[in-house]
């Protein structure tokens, strides 16, 4: 599989070379390339990765000085993957920053804030954050390096492809797969990772409703979305539909675009347009 260079790697390299010891959070949806970045840093730095998907790795962290001393002794940089799966880690992260001044790079969903809101507030002033999203056009061009004479045509074809298949790294690097296999891959990503993550974090009770809401939005892309209309068509409460949509926005599935109005009060109160971060997921 093609090893892609990501634009945010420059920000990570700058952080590693600096004297900055603030925690660096790398937020993004599942399968957007965060774990690949961490794995590359493991090789580059000779550091240990702590994967908070695993209970065994979560158990290695506790907000006790003697335990953290052992971690810091073995690592010049502490690398954590899927940090949102261990909300209690915010206490430990604060201690690492305050007591040991060690660099920490933690990837995951920014819904760590949702899970540990009060504890996360104690990290104010102690962290920076960057985002790892599906591949941008400029990232793909930077990796493929088309000849100058071919770049315009390359970008035209790339834009067409991205409108159909999106640009999640896993999908892009499997571009030679037969169409049916790529469709299956996208469906599996949506069901197993992207949507499942949201449903698990928020303990949503109706997975079918979540999918149906996304389908309704996908079918009116570019138009203002009426929450009441979606709710009526699905037999759901408007407040439930609104809550699901806000969750999709927080988790990098949807992007809201307010209505353009000269009257600011109306612009805030009226319907919004909703777009998908990745058109492959939309399709």
C-alpha atoms as a PDB file:
ATOM      1  CA  UNK A   1       0.000   0.000   0.000  1.00  0.00           C
ATOM      2  CA  UNK A   2       1.199   3.491  -0.881  1.00  0.00           C
ATOM      3  CA  UNK A   3       2.728   5.295   2.120  1.00  0.00           C
ATOM      4  CA  UNK A   4       1.262   8.788   1.991  1.00  0.00           C
ATOM      5  CA  UNK A   5       2.966  11.916   3.285  1.00  0.00           C
ATOM      6  CA  UNK A   6       0.500  14.062   5.230  1.00  0.00           C
ATOM      7  CA  UNK A   7       0.556  17.852   5.469  1.00  0.00           C
ATOM      8  CA  UNK A   8       0.136  17.802   9.254  1.00  0.00           C
ATOM      9  CA  UNK A   9       3.403  15.871   9.593  1.00  0.00           C
ATOM     10  CA  UNK A  10       5.183  19.231   9.161  1.00  0.00           C
ATOM     11  CA  UNK A  11       3.333  20.605  12.193  1.00  0.00           C
ATOM     12  CA  UNK A  12       4.281  17.511  14.183  1.00  0.00           C
ATOM     13  CA  UNK A  13       7.942  17.806  13.141  1.00  0.00           C
ATOM     14  CA  UNK A  14       7.974  21.483  14.150  1.00  0.00           C
ATOM     15  CA  UNK A  15       6.550  20.537  17.548  1.00  0.00           C
ATOM     16  CA  UNK A  16       9.140  17.791  18.055  1.00  0.00           C
ATOM     17  CA  UNK A  17      12.035  20.134  17.227  1.00  0.00           C
ATOM     18  CA  UNK A  18      10.774  22.935  19.472  1.00  0.00           C
ATOM     19  CA  UNK A  19      11.042  23.461  23.225  1.00  0.00           C
ATOM     20  CA  UNK A  20       7.255  23.340  23.470  1.00  0.00           C
ATOM     21  CA  UNK A  21       6.082  20.717  25.986  1.00  0.00           C
ATOM     22  CA  UNK A  22       2.362  21.333  25.612  1.00  0.00           C
ATOM     23  CA  UNK A  23       0.342  18.224  24.796  1.00  0.00           C
ATOM     24  CA  UNK A  24      -0.309  17.944  21.045  1.00  0.00           C
ATOM     25  CA  UNK A  25      -3.732  16.495  20.243  1.00  0.00           C
ATOM     26  CA  UNK A  26      -4.316  15.189  16.714  1.00  0.00           C
ATOM     27  CA  UNK A  27      -8.086  15.007  16.213  1.00  0.00           C
ATOM     28  CA  UNK A  28      -9.969  13.386  13.379  1.00  0.00           C
ATOM     29  CA  UNK A  29     -12.426  10.682  12.351  1.00  0.00           C
ATOM     30  CA  UNK A  30     -11.553   7.010  12.321  1.00  0.00           C
ATOM     31  CA  UNK A  31      -9.546   5.806   9.298  1.00  0.00           C
ATOM     32  CA  UNK A  32      -8.314   9.299   8.440  1.00  0.00           C
ATOM     33  CA  UNK A  33      -4.659   8.349   8.951  1.00  0.00           C
ATOM     34  CA  UNK A  34      -3.992   9.176  12.618  1.00  0.00           C
ATOM     35  CA  UNK A  35      -2.741   5.717  13.572  1.00  0.00           C
ATOM     36  CA  UNK A  36      -0.520   5.613  10.481  1.00  0.00           C
ATOM     37  CA  UNK A  37       1.070   8.886  11.635  1.00  0.00           C
ATOM     38  CA  UNK A  38       1.649   7.509  15.135  1.00  0.00           C
ATOM     39  CA  UNK A  39       3.144   4.278  13.765  1.00  0.00           C
ATOM     40  CA  UNK A  40       5.547   6.309  11.609  1.00  0.00           C
ATOM     41  CA  UNK A  41       6.616   8.269  14.703  1.00  0.00           C
ATOM     42  CA  UNK A  42       7.214   5.022  16.610  1.00  0.00           C
ATOM     43  CA  UNK A  43       9.755   4.006  13.945  1.00  0.00           C
ATOM     44  CA  UNK A  44      11.231   7.484  13.627  1.00  0.00           C
ATOM     45  CA  UNK A  45      11.672   8.140  17.357  1.00  0.00           C
ATOM     46  CA  UNK A  46      12.091   4.611  18.688  1.00  0.00           C
ATOM     47  CA  UNK A  47       9.247   5.364  21.094  1.00  0.00           C
ATOM     48  CA  UNK A  48       6.463   3.178  22.466  1.00  0.00           C
ATOM     49  CA  UNK A  49       2.879   3.551  21.263  1.00  0.00           C
ATOM     50  CA  UNK A  50       0.119   3.259  23.848  1.00  0.00           C
ATOM     51  CA  UNK A  51      -3.118   2.241  22.141  1.00  0.00           C
ATOM     52  CA  UNK A  52      -6.088   3.112  24.338  1.00  0.00           C
ATOM     53  CA  UNK A  53      -8.279   0.778  22.277  1.00  0.00           C
ATOM     54  CA  UNK A  54      -6.507  -1.897  24.339  1.00  0.00           C
ATOM     55  CA  UNK A  55      -7.311  -2.405  28.006  1.00  0.00           C
ATOM     56  CA  UNK A  56      -3.756  -3.620  28.610  1.00  0.00           C
ATOM     57  CA  UNK A  57      -2.349  -0.266  27.443  1.00  0.00           C
ATOM     58  CA  UNK A  58      -4.903   1.760  29.403  1.00  0.00           C
ATOM     59  CA  UNK A  59      -3.927  -0.128  32.537  1.00  0.00           C
ATOM     60  CA  UNK A  60      -0.316   1.028  32.112  1.00  0.00           C
ATOM     61  CA  UNK A  61      -1.436   4.597  32.831  1.00  0.00           C
ATOM     62  CA  UNK A  62      -2.509   5.807  36.228  1.00  0.00           C
ATOM     63  CA  UNK A  63      -2.265   9.286  37.764  1.00  0.00           C
ATOM     64  CA  UNK A  64       0.480   8.202  40.140  1.00  0.00           C
ATOM     65  CA  UNK A  65       3.962   9.687  40.011  1.00  0.00           C
ATOM     66  CA  UNK A  66       5.883   6.389  40.198  1.00  0.00           C
ATOM     67  CA  UNK A  67       3.966   4.962  37.220  1.00  0.00           C
ATOM     68  CA  UNK A  68       4.406   8.080  35.115  1.00  0.00           C
ATOM     69  CA  UNK A  69       8.112   8.228  36.006  1.00  0.00           C
ATOM     70  CA  UNK A  70       8.520   4.785  34.465  1.00  0.00           C
ATOM     71  CA  UNK A  71       6.755   5.869  31.257  1.00  0.00           C
ATOM     72  CA  UNK A  72       8.817   9.058  30.941  1.00  0.00           C
ATOM     73  CA  UNK A  73      12.057   7.194  31.654  1.00  0.00           C
ATOM     74  CA  UNK A  74      11.419   4.873  28.699  1.00  0.00           C
ATOM     75  CA  UNK A  75      10.194   7.531  26.236  1.00  0.00           C
ATOM     76  CA  UNK A  76      11.431  10.974  25.215  1.00  0.00           C
ATOM     77  CA  UNK A  77       8.021  11.458  23.578  1.00  0.00           C
ATOM     78  CA  UNK A  78       4.849   9.773  24.835  1.00  0.00           C
ATOM     79  CA  UNK A  79       2.689   8.559  21.923  1.00  0.00           C
ATOM     80  CA  UNK A  80      -0.969   7.739  22.583  1.00  0.00           C
ATOM     81  CA  UNK A  81      -3.506   6.446  20.049  1.00  0.00           C
ATOM     82  CA  UNK A  82      -7.313   6.591  20.470  1.00  0.00           C
ATOM     83  CA  UNK A  83      -7.038   8.739  23.590  1.00  0.00           C
ATOM     84  CA  UNK A  84     -10.820   9.273  23.744  1.00  0.00           C
ATOM     85  CA  UNK A  85     -11.266   5.659  24.881  1.00  0.00           C
ATOM     86  CA  UNK A  86      -9.778   6.492  28.290  1.00  0.00           C
ATOM     87  CA  UNK A  87     -11.362   9.736  29.544  1.00  0.00           C
ATOM     88  CA  UNK A  88      -9.597   9.339  32.890  1.00  0.00           C
ATOM     89  CA  UNK A  89      -6.349   9.949  31.000  1.00  0.00           C
ATOM     90  CA  UNK A  90      -6.909  13.712  31.210  1.00  0.00           C
ATOM     91  CA  UNK A  91      -5.700  13.649  34.832  1.00  0.00           C
ATOM     92  CA  UNK A  92      -2.604  11.709  33.799  1.00  0.00           C
ATOM     93  CA  UNK A  93      -1.937  14.068  30.875  1.00  0.00           C
ATOM     94  CA  UNK A  94      -2.067  17.055  33.221  1.00  0.00           C
ATOM     95  CA  UNK A  95       0.496  15.409  35.511  1.00  0.00           C
ATOM     96  CA  UNK A  96       2.781  14.562  32.585  1.00  0.00           C
ATOM     97  CA  UNK A  97       2.696  18.193  31.503  1.00  0.00           C
ATOM     98  CA  UNK A  98       3.011  19.821  34.926  1.00  0.00           C
ATOM     99  CA  UNK A  99       5.430  17.459  36.656  1.00  0.00           C
ATOM    100  CA  UNK A 100       7.585  16.009  33.878  1.00  0.00           C
ATOM    101  CA  UNK A 101       7.492  18.555  31.030  1.00  0.00           C
ATOM    102  CA  UNK A 102       7.581  15.687  28.519  1.00  0.00           C
ATOM    103  CA  UNK A 103       6.232  15.946  24.988  1.00  0.00           C
ATOM    104  CA  UNK A 104       2.973  14.047  24.440  1.00  0.00           C
ATOM    105  CA  UNK A 105       1.282  13.389  21.099  1.00  0.00           C
ATOM    106  CA  UNK A 106      -2.220  11.964  21.489  1.00  0.00           C
ATOM    107  CA  UNK A 107      -4.515  11.060  18.609  1.00  0.00           C
ATOM    108  CA  UNK A 108      -8.220  10.411  18.699  1.00  0.00           C
ATOM    109  CA  UNK A 109     -11.655  11.951  18.526  1.00  0.00           C
ATOM    110  CA  UNK A 110     -12.112  15.389  20.027  1.00  0.00           C
ATOM    111  CA  UNK A 111     -15.101  13.919  21.838  1.00  0.00           C
ATOM    112  CA  UNK A 112     -12.653  13.278  24.655  1.00  0.00           C
ATOM    113  CA  UNK A 113     -14.048  16.651  25.733  1.00  0.00           C
ATOM    114  CA  UNK A 114     -17.543  15.167  25.718  1.00  0.00           C
ATOM    115  CA  UNK A 115     -16.519  12.217  27.866  1.00  0.00           C
ATOM    116  CA  UNK A 116     -14.480  14.124  30.438  1.00  0.00           C
ATOM    117  CA  UNK A 117     -15.652  17.716  30.217  1.00  0.00           C
ATOM    118  CA  UNK A 118     -14.707  18.827  33.739  1.00  0.00           C
ATOM    119  CA  UNK A 119     -11.336  17.076  33.740  1.00  0.00           C
ATOM    120  CA  UNK A 120     -10.552  18.281  30.216  1.00  0.00           C
ATOM    121  CA  UNK A 121     -11.118  21.860  31.330  1.00  0.00           C
ATOM    122  CA  UNK A 122      -8.066  21.475  33.592  1.00  0.00           C
ATOM    123  CA  UNK A 123      -5.917  21.102  30.454  1.00  0.00           C
ATOM    124  CA  UNK A 124      -6.656  24.649  29.296  1.00  0.00           C
ATOM    125  CA  UNK A 125      -3.376  26.315  28.340  1.00  0.00           C
ATOM    126  CA  UNK A 126      -1.584  22.971  28.354  1.00  0.00           C
ATOM    127  CA  UNK A 127      -2.291  21.728  24.830  1.00  0.00           C
ATOM    128  CA  UNK A 128      -2.310  22.532  21.134  1.00  0.00           C
ATOM    129  CA  UNK A 129      -4.473  20.752  18.578  1.00  0.00           C
ATOM    130  CA  UNK A 130      -4.333  19.909  14.882  1.00  0.00           C
ATOM    131  CA  UNK A 131      -6.679  17.940  12.651  1.00  0.00           C
ATOM    132  CA  UNK A 132      -6.149  14.841  10.538  1.00  0.00           C
ATOM    133  CA  UNK A 133      -8.963  14.679   7.987  1.00  0.00           C
ATOM    134  CA  UNK A 134      -9.385  12.794   4.693  1.00  0.00           C
ATOM    135  CA  UNK A 135      -6.779  13.667   2.076  1.00  0.00           C
ATOM    136  CA  UNK A 136      -6.913  17.101   0.481  1.00  0.00           C
ATOM    137  CA  UNK A 137      -6.348  17.645  -3.227  1.00  0.00           C
ATOM    138  CA  UNK A 138      -3.028  19.363  -2.481  1.00  0.00           C
ATOM    139  CA  UNK A 139      -1.875  16.402  -0.357  1.00  0.00           C
ATOM    140  CA  UNK A 140      -2.653  13.946  -3.148  1.00  0.00           C
ATOM    141  CA  UNK A 141      -0.877  16.115  -5.725  1.00  0.00           C
ATOM    142  CA  UNK A 142       2.110  16.386  -3.379  1.00  0.00           C
ATOM    143  CA  UNK A 143       2.301  12.599  -3.083  1.00  0.00           C
ATOM    144  CA  UNK A 144       1.711  11.759  -6.741  1.00  0.00           C
ATOM    145  CA  UNK A 145       3.987  14.552  -8.058  1.00  0.00           C
ATOM    146  CA  UNK A 146       2.563  14.798 -11.597  1.00  0.00           C
ATOM    147  CA  UNK A 147       4.693  16.516 -14.230  1.00  0.00           C
ATOM    148  CA  UNK A 148       4.023  20.236 -14.558  1.00  0.00           C
ATOM    149  CA  UNK A 149       2.649  19.703 -18.063  1.00  0.00           C
ATOM    150  CA  UNK A 150       0.176  17.112 -16.736  1.00  0.00           C
ATOM    151  CA  UNK A 151      -0.861  18.751 -13.469  1.00  0.00           C
ATOM    152  CA  UNK A 152      -4.018  20.516 -14.709  1.00  0.00           C
ATOM    153  CA  UNK A 153      -5.369  17.327 -16.260  1.00  0.00           C
ATOM    154  CA  UNK A 154      -4.329  15.298 -13.199  1.00  0.00           C
ATOM    155  CA  UNK A 155      -6.194  17.635 -10.849  1.00  0.00           C
ATOM    156  CA  UNK A 156      -9.273  17.596 -13.104  1.00  0.00           C
ATOM    157  CA  UNK A 157      -9.426  13.782 -13.053  1.00  0.00           C
ATOM    158  CA  UNK A 158      -8.652  13.752  -9.348  1.00  0.00           C
ATOM    159  CA  UNK A 159     -11.550  16.110  -8.593  1.00  0.00           C
ATOM    160  CA  UNK A 160     -13.902  13.859 -10.561  1.00  0.00           C
ATOM    161  CA  UNK A 161     -12.693  10.761  -8.718  1.00  0.00           C
ATOM    162  CA  UNK A 162     -12.936  12.431  -5.297  1.00  0.00           C
ATOM    163  CA  UNK A 163     -16.546  13.423  -5.983  1.00  0.00           C
ATOM    164  CA  UNK A 164     -17.405   9.735  -6.347  1.00  0.00           C
ATOM    165  CA  UNK A 165     -15.066   7.890  -3.995  1.00  0.00           C
ATOM    166  CA  UNK A 166     -13.984  10.600  -1.568  1.00  0.00           C
ATOM    167  CA  UNK A 167     -10.445  10.755  -0.235  1.00  0.00           C
ATOM    168  CA  UNK A 168     -10.095   8.623   2.864  1.00  0.00           C
ATOM    169  CA  UNK A 169      -6.504   7.313   2.651  1.00  0.00           C
ATOM    170  CA  UNK A 170      -7.578   3.663   2.706  1.00  0.00           C
ATOM    171  CA  UNK A 171      -9.975   4.198  -0.198  1.00  0.00           C
ATOM    172  CA  UNK A 172      -7.573   6.342  -2.210  1.00  0.00           C
ATOM    173  CA  UNK A 173      -4.699   3.868  -1.964  1.00  0.00           C
ATOM    174  CA  UNK A 174      -7.027   1.068  -3.108  1.00  0.00           C
ATOM    175  CA  UNK A 175      -7.911   2.932  -6.296  1.00  0.00           C
ATOM    176  CA  UNK A 176      -7.132  -0.062  -8.517  1.00  0.00           C
ATOM    177  CA  UNK A 177      -9.774  -2.250  -6.850  1.00  0.00           C
ATOM    178  CA  UNK A 178     -12.840  -3.191  -8.921  1.00  0.00           C
ATOM    179  CA  UNK A 179     -15.762  -0.816  -8.417  1.00  0.00           C
ATOM    180  CA  UNK A 180     -17.801  -3.311  -6.361  1.00  0.00           C
ATOM    181  CA  UNK A 181     -14.889  -3.881  -3.984  1.00  0.00           C
ATOM    182  CA  UNK A 182     -14.427  -0.144  -3.457  1.00  0.00           C
ATOM    183  CA  UNK A 183     -18.141   0.263  -2.739  1.00  0.00           C
ATOM    184  CA  UNK A 184     -17.906  -2.565  -0.198  1.00  0.00           C
ATOM    185  CA  UNK A 185     -14.836  -0.917   1.360  1.00  0.00           C
ATOM    186  CA  UNK A 186     -16.634   2.417   1.766  1.00  0.00           C
ATOM    187  CA  UNK A 187     -19.721   0.742   3.223  1.00  0.00           C
ATOM    188  CA  UNK A 188     -17.593  -1.227   5.664  1.00  0.00           C
ATOM    189  CA  UNK A 189     -15.752   1.932   6.735  1.00  0.00           C
ATOM    190  CA  UNK A 190     -19.036   3.764   7.331  1.00  0.00           C
ATOM    191  CA  UNK A 191     -20.672   0.925   9.264  1.00  0.00           C
ATOM    192  CA  UNK A 192     -17.670  -0.401  11.180  1.00  0.00           C
ATOM    193  CA  UNK A 193     -15.685   2.731  11.929  1.00  0.00           C
ATOM    194  CA  UNK A 194     -17.081   6.169  11.084  1.00  0.00           C
ATOM    195  CA  UNK A 195     -20.717   5.700  12.118  1.00  0.00           C
ATOM    196  CA  UNK A 196     -20.062   3.048  14.760  1.00  0.00           C
ATOM    197  CA  UNK A 197     -17.642   5.380  16.540  1.00  0.00           C
ATOM    198  CA  UNK A 198     -20.314   8.070  16.814  1.00  0.00           C
ATOM    199  CA  UNK A 199     -22.995   5.622  17.948  1.00  0.00           C
ATOM    200  CA  UNK A 200     -20.712   4.137  20.608  1.00  0.00           C
ATOM    201  CA  UNK A 201     -19.452   7.476  21.976  1.00  0.00           C
ATOM    202  CA  UNK A 202     -22.922   8.964  22.379  1.00  0.00           C
ATOM    203  CA  UNK A 203     -24.716   5.696  23.091  1.00  0.00           C
ATOM    204  CA  UNK A 204     -27.220   6.456  20.343  1.00  0.00           C
ATOM    205  CA  UNK A 205     -30.142   4.059  20.591  1.00  0.00           C
ATOM    206  CA  UNK A 206     -31.278   4.086  16.962  1.00  0.00           C
ATOM    207  CA  UNK A 207     -28.583   3.246  14.413  1.00  0.00           C
ATOM    208  CA  UNK A 208     -31.155   3.050  11.605  1.00  0.00           C
ATOM    209  CA  UNK A 209     -32.354   6.578  12.358  1.00  0.00           C
ATOM    210  CA  UNK A 210     -28.751   7.836  12.238  1.00  0.00           C
ATOM    211  CA  UNK A 211     -28.276   6.302   8.772  1.00  0.00           C
ATOM    212  CA  UNK A 212     -31.657   7.554   7.558  1.00  0.00           C
ATOM    213  CA  UNK A 213     -30.871  11.128   8.641  1.00  0.00           C
ATOM    214  CA  UNK A 214     -27.574  11.033   6.741  1.00  0.00           C
ATOM    215  CA  UNK A 215     -29.372   9.624   3.686  1.00  0.00           C
ATOM    216  CA  UNK A 216     -31.943  12.436   3.764  1.00  0.00           C
ATOM    217  CA  UNK A 217     -29.172  15.042   3.990  1.00  0.00           C
ATOM    218  CA  UNK A 218     -27.207  13.365   1.186  1.00  0.00           C
ATOM    219  CA  UNK A 219     -30.232  13.596  -1.118  1.00  0.00           C
ATOM    220  CA  UNK A 220     -30.590  17.352  -0.617  1.00  0.00           C
ATOM    221  CA  UNK A 221     -26.931  18.317  -0.777  1.00  0.00           C
ATOM    222  CA  UNK A 222     -26.570  22.006  -1.596  1.00  0.00           C
ATOM    223  CA  UNK A 223     -30.054  22.869  -0.343  1.00  0.00           C
ATOM    224  CA  UNK A 224     -31.048  24.257   3.009  1.00  0.00           C
ATOM    225  CA  UNK A 225     -31.895  21.415   5.372  1.00  0.00           C
ATOM    226  CA  UNK A 226     -35.166  21.547   7.287  1.00  0.00           C
ATOM    227  CA  UNK A 227     -34.852  19.556  10.491  1.00  0.00           C
ATOM    228  CA  UNK A 228     -38.629  19.547  10.889  1.00  0.00           C
ATOM    229  CA  UNK A 229     -39.142  18.079   7.399  1.00  0.00           C
ATOM    230  CA  UNK A 230     -36.582  15.328   8.046  1.00  0.00           C
ATOM    231  CA  UNK A 231     -38.180  14.566  11.412  1.00  0.00           C
ATOM    232  CA  UNK A 232     -41.677  14.368   9.907  1.00  0.00           C
ATOM    233  CA  UNK A 233     -40.559  12.093   7.071  1.00  0.00           C
ATOM    234  CA  UNK A 234     -38.808   9.720   9.488  1.00  0.00           C
ATOM    235  CA  UNK A 235     -41.391   9.836  12.261  1.00  0.00           C
ATOM    236  CA  UNK A 236     -38.876  11.262  14.730  1.00  0.00           C
ATOM    237  CA  UNK A 237     -38.812  14.241  17.073  1.00  0.00           C
ATOM    238  CA  UNK A 238     -37.163  17.373  15.617  1.00  0.00           C
ATOM    239  CA  UNK A 239     -35.035  17.635  18.768  1.00  0.00           C
ATOM    240  CA  UNK A 240     -33.721  14.093  18.178  1.00  0.00           C
ATOM    241  CA  UNK A 241     -32.855  14.824  14.541  1.00  0.00           C
ATOM    242  CA  UNK A 242     -31.171  18.089  15.548  1.00  0.00           C
ATOM    243  CA  UNK A 243     -29.139  16.291  18.218  1.00  0.00           C
ATOM    244  CA  UNK A 244     -27.968  13.628  15.746  1.00  0.00           C
ATOM    245  CA  UNK A 245     -26.951  16.284  13.215  1.00  0.00           C
ATOM    246  CA  UNK A 246     -24.919  18.199  15.806  1.00  0.00           C
ATOM    247  CA  UNK A 247     -23.158  14.952  16.708  1.00  0.00           C
ATOM    248  CA  UNK A 248     -22.330  14.321  13.030  1.00  0.00           C
ATOM    249  CA  UNK A 249     -20.897  17.842  12.802  1.00  0.00           C
ATOM    250  CA  UNK A 250     -18.733  17.374  15.906  1.00  0.00           C
ATOM    251  CA  UNK A 251     -17.383  14.115  14.511  1.00  0.00           C
ATOM    252  CA  UNK A 252     -16.267  15.335  11.067  1.00  0.00           C
ATOM    253  CA  UNK A 253     -19.067  13.700   9.080  1.00  0.00           C
ATOM    254  CA  UNK A 254     -20.968  16.893   8.227  1.00  0.00           C
ATOM    255  CA  UNK A 255     -19.970  20.527   7.697  1.00  0.00           C
ATOM    256  CA  UNK A 256     -22.625  23.205   8.387  1.00  0.00           C
ATOM    257  CA  UNK A 257     -22.925  26.293   6.217  1.00  0.00           C
ATOM    258  CA  UNK A 258     -25.244  29.004   7.597  1.00  0.00           C
ATOM    259  CA  UNK A 259     -27.744  30.694   5.318  1.00  0.00           C
ATOM    260  CA  UNK A 260     -26.488  33.904   3.749  1.00  0.00           C
ATOM    261  CA  UNK A 261     -28.657  36.687   5.091  1.00  0.00           C
ATOM    262  CA  UNK A 262     -28.044  40.396   5.497  1.00  0.00           C
ATOM    263  CA  UNK A 263     -30.125  40.157   8.660  1.00  0.00           C
ATOM    264  CA  UNK A 264     -27.818  38.366  11.122  1.00  0.00           C
ATOM    265  CA  UNK A 265     -30.687  37.426  13.434  1.00  0.00           C
ATOM    266  CA  UNK A 266     -32.465  35.586  10.606  1.00  0.00           C
ATOM    267  CA  UNK A 267     -29.253  33.901   9.477  1.00  0.00           C
ATOM    268  CA  UNK A 268     -28.759  32.393  12.924  1.00  0.00           C
ATOM    269  CA  UNK A 269     -32.333  31.185  13.293  1.00  0.00           C
ATOM    270  CA  UNK A 270     -32.998  29.786   9.812  1.00  0.00           C
ATOM    271  CA  UNK A 271     -32.069  26.486   8.177  1.00  0.00           C
ATOM    272  CA  UNK A 272     -28.492  25.646   7.240  1.00  0.00           C
ATOM    273  CA  UNK A 273     -26.926  23.837   4.338  1.00  0.00           C
ATOM    274  CA  UNK A 274     -25.079  20.673   5.334  1.00  0.00           C
ATOM    275  CA  UNK A 275     -22.195  19.161   3.393  1.00  0.00           C
ATOM    276  CA  UNK A 276     -20.205  15.970   3.896  1.00  0.00           C
ATOM    277  CA  UNK A 277     -16.505  16.104   4.771  1.00  0.00           C
ATOM    278  CA  UNK A 278     -16.010  13.172   2.416  1.00  0.00           C
ATOM    279  CA  UNK A 279     -18.142  12.574  -0.666  1.00  0.00           C
ATOM    280  CA  UNK A 280     -17.347   8.865  -0.677  1.00  0.00           C
ATOM    281  CA  UNK A 281     -19.161   8.577   2.651  1.00  0.00           C
ATOM    282  CA  UNK A 282     -21.999  10.703   1.266  1.00  0.00           C
ATOM    283  CA  UNK A 283     -22.403   8.510  -1.821  1.00  0.00           C
END
